[in-house]
């Protein structure tokens, strides 16, 4: 009889679930694993920060955008045009430019990525702000 390894992570199956602080603490006490049926599943925290597809700024979606300019800001190059029709992305010398890092006055090296980059320093900073607003995480050292 062939034995199964039930601790193998399967990247094909993922679920996003919101839980109360008490449930999250129980999961943490079980080494961040949940048992689902015969499987032991690793639990990861994910903090999704809202980003507007018009102005590319964090904290709101396009329906609530209060940007004064009528033109969209490109998530790739931060120029004034829609991201899906960016004329710069096909250029061999194209380097992305993050509008959020520019507005945060970060150094030139710190904004050579798109506004959608999950490693963006401004995005990471917004994630930390979001974590601090959740009571479960306020007691942790983030």
Protein backbone atom coordinates (compact mmCIF):
# COMPACT_ATOMS: atom_id res chain seq x y z
CA UNK A 1 0.00 0.00 0.00
CA UNK A 2 1.42 3.35 -1.06
CA UNK A 3 1.73 5.97 1.70
CA UNK A 4 0.69 9.57 1.05
CA UNK A 5 2.55 12.57 2.32
CA UNK A 6 -0.21 14.86 3.61
CA UNK A 7 2.18 17.73 4.43
CA UNK A 8 3.05 18.48 0.81
CA UNK A 9 1.97 21.95 -0.25
CA UNK A 10 -0.19 21.97 -3.34
CA UNK A 11 0.02 25.25 -5.27
CA UNK A 12 -3.11 24.37 -7.23
CA UNK A 13 -5.39 24.83 -4.26
CA UNK A 14 -5.56 28.14 -2.46
CA UNK A 15 -8.33 29.78 -0.52
CA UNK A 16 -8.77 33.23 0.96
CA UNK A 17 -10.71 33.25 4.17
CA UNK A 18 -11.41 36.00 6.67
CA UNK A 19 -11.40 34.81 10.25
CA UNK A 20 -11.89 36.41 13.63
CA UNK A 21 -8.93 37.28 15.83
CA UNK A 22 -9.65 34.30 18.10
CA UNK A 23 -9.69 31.84 15.16
CA UNK A 24 -6.45 33.34 13.81
CA UNK A 25 -4.84 32.86 17.24
CA UNK A 26 -5.94 29.20 17.27
CA UNK A 27 -4.38 28.69 13.83
CA UNK A 28 -1.17 30.36 15.02
CA UNK A 29 -1.09 28.02 18.04
CA UNK A 30 -1.15 25.08 15.58
CA UNK A 31 2.05 26.33 13.87
CA UNK A 32 -0.02 28.08 11.18
CA UNK A 33 -1.46 24.86 9.80
CA UNK A 34 -5.07 23.82 9.35
CA UNK A 35 -6.30 20.28 8.96
CA UNK A 36 -8.81 19.96 6.13
CA UNK A 37 -9.99 16.42 5.68
CA UNK A 38 -6.86 14.27 5.56
CA UNK A 39 -4.65 17.17 4.53
CA UNK A 40 -2.56 19.53 6.61
CA UNK A 41 -2.56 22.95 4.97
CA UNK A 42 -0.14 25.82 5.59
CA UNK A 43 -1.81 29.14 6.42
CA UNK A 44 -0.38 32.42 5.16
CA UNK A 45 -1.58 35.92 5.94
CA UNK A 46 -2.35 38.16 3.01
CA UNK A 47 -3.03 41.86 3.28
CA UNK A 48 -4.50 43.27 0.11
CA UNK A 49 -4.16 47.01 -0.17
CA UNK A 50 -6.70 48.79 -2.39
CA UNK A 51 -5.17 50.47 -5.46
CA UNK A 52 -7.05 52.71 -7.87
CA UNK A 53 -6.71 51.81 -11.56
CA UNK A 54 -7.13 55.46 -12.55
CA UNK A 55 -4.63 57.37 -10.38
CA UNK A 56 -2.73 54.25 -9.16
CA UNK A 57 -2.76 55.54 -5.57
CA UNK A 58 -3.50 53.27 -2.62
CA UNK A 59 -6.50 53.31 -0.32
CA UNK A 60 -9.38 53.44 -2.80
CA UNK A 61 -10.75 51.98 -6.02
CA UNK A 62 -11.59 53.82 -9.23
CA UNK A 63 -15.25 54.26 -8.25
CA UNK A 64 -14.14 56.48 -5.34
CA UNK A 65 -11.25 58.26 -7.09
CA UNK A 66 -11.04 61.95 -6.33
CA UNK A 67 -8.13 62.63 -8.71
CA UNK A 68 -8.39 66.11 -10.18
CA UNK A 69 -6.98 65.11 -13.58
CA UNK A 70 -9.36 63.48 -16.07
CA UNK A 71 -6.66 61.24 -17.59
CA UNK A 72 -5.57 57.90 -16.16
CA UNK A 73 -2.06 57.38 -14.81
CA UNK A 74 -0.23 54.38 -16.26
CA UNK A 75 0.71 51.69 -13.72
CA UNK A 76 3.79 50.82 -15.80
CA UNK A 77 5.46 54.14 -16.59
CA UNK A 78 3.43 56.69 -14.53
CA UNK A 79 2.68 58.83 -17.60
CA UNK A 80 -0.82 60.10 -18.36
CA UNK A 81 -2.48 57.33 -20.37
CA UNK A 82 -4.23 54.03 -19.68
CA UNK A 83 -2.00 51.16 -18.59
CA UNK A 84 -3.30 48.70 -21.20
CA UNK A 85 -2.32 51.10 -24.01
CA UNK A 86 1.11 52.13 -22.67
CA UNK A 87 3.22 53.21 -25.67
CA UNK A 88 6.45 52.97 -23.66
CA UNK A 89 6.34 49.28 -22.64
CA UNK A 90 7.40 48.01 -26.08
CA UNK A 91 10.53 50.15 -26.14
CA UNK A 92 13.79 48.17 -25.67
CA UNK A 93 15.02 50.79 -23.20
CA UNK A 94 11.77 50.81 -21.19
CA UNK A 95 12.15 50.96 -17.41
CA UNK A 96 9.01 50.91 -15.27
CA UNK A 97 8.33 53.83 -12.98
CA UNK A 98 6.16 53.68 -9.86
CA UNK A 99 3.96 56.73 -9.35
CA UNK A 100 3.49 55.89 -5.65
CA UNK A 101 7.22 55.82 -4.92
CA UNK A 102 7.70 59.05 -6.89
CA UNK A 103 5.01 60.73 -4.81
CA UNK A 104 6.63 59.34 -1.64
CA UNK A 105 9.85 61.06 -2.75
CA UNK A 106 11.88 57.87 -2.74
CA UNK A 107 15.22 57.76 -4.53
CA UNK A 108 15.36 57.08 -8.28
CA UNK A 109 16.51 53.50 -7.67
CA UNK A 110 13.49 52.87 -5.46
CA UNK A 111 10.86 53.56 -8.10
CA UNK A 112 12.10 51.49 -11.04
CA UNK A 113 9.16 49.10 -10.81
CA UNK A 114 5.49 49.29 -11.77
CA UNK A 115 2.73 50.47 -9.45
CA UNK A 116 1.44 46.87 -9.37
CA UNK A 117 4.68 45.38 -8.04
CA UNK A 118 4.09 43.52 -4.76
CA UNK A 119 7.64 44.35 -3.61
CA UNK A 120 7.08 48.10 -4.05
CA UNK A 121 8.35 49.84 -0.87
CA UNK A 122 5.27 52.07 -0.79
CA UNK A 123 2.96 49.05 -1.16
CA UNK A 124 4.82 47.22 1.62
CA UNK A 125 4.50 50.32 3.81
CA UNK A 126 0.74 50.41 3.12
CA UNK A 127 0.52 46.71 4.06
CA UNK A 128 2.18 47.48 7.40
CA UNK A 129 -0.32 50.28 8.01
CA UNK A 130 -3.14 47.85 7.26
CA UNK A 131 -1.68 45.27 9.67
CA UNK A 132 -1.51 47.90 12.40
CA UNK A 133 -5.23 48.57 11.96
CA UNK A 134 -6.09 44.92 12.73
CA UNK A 135 -6.22 44.20 16.47
CA UNK A 136 -4.71 40.69 16.12
CA UNK A 137 -1.52 42.17 14.66
CA UNK A 138 -1.17 45.23 16.88
CA UNK A 139 0.40 43.07 19.59
CA UNK A 140 3.03 41.77 17.16
CA UNK A 141 6.29 43.42 16.16
CA UNK A 142 5.79 44.19 12.49
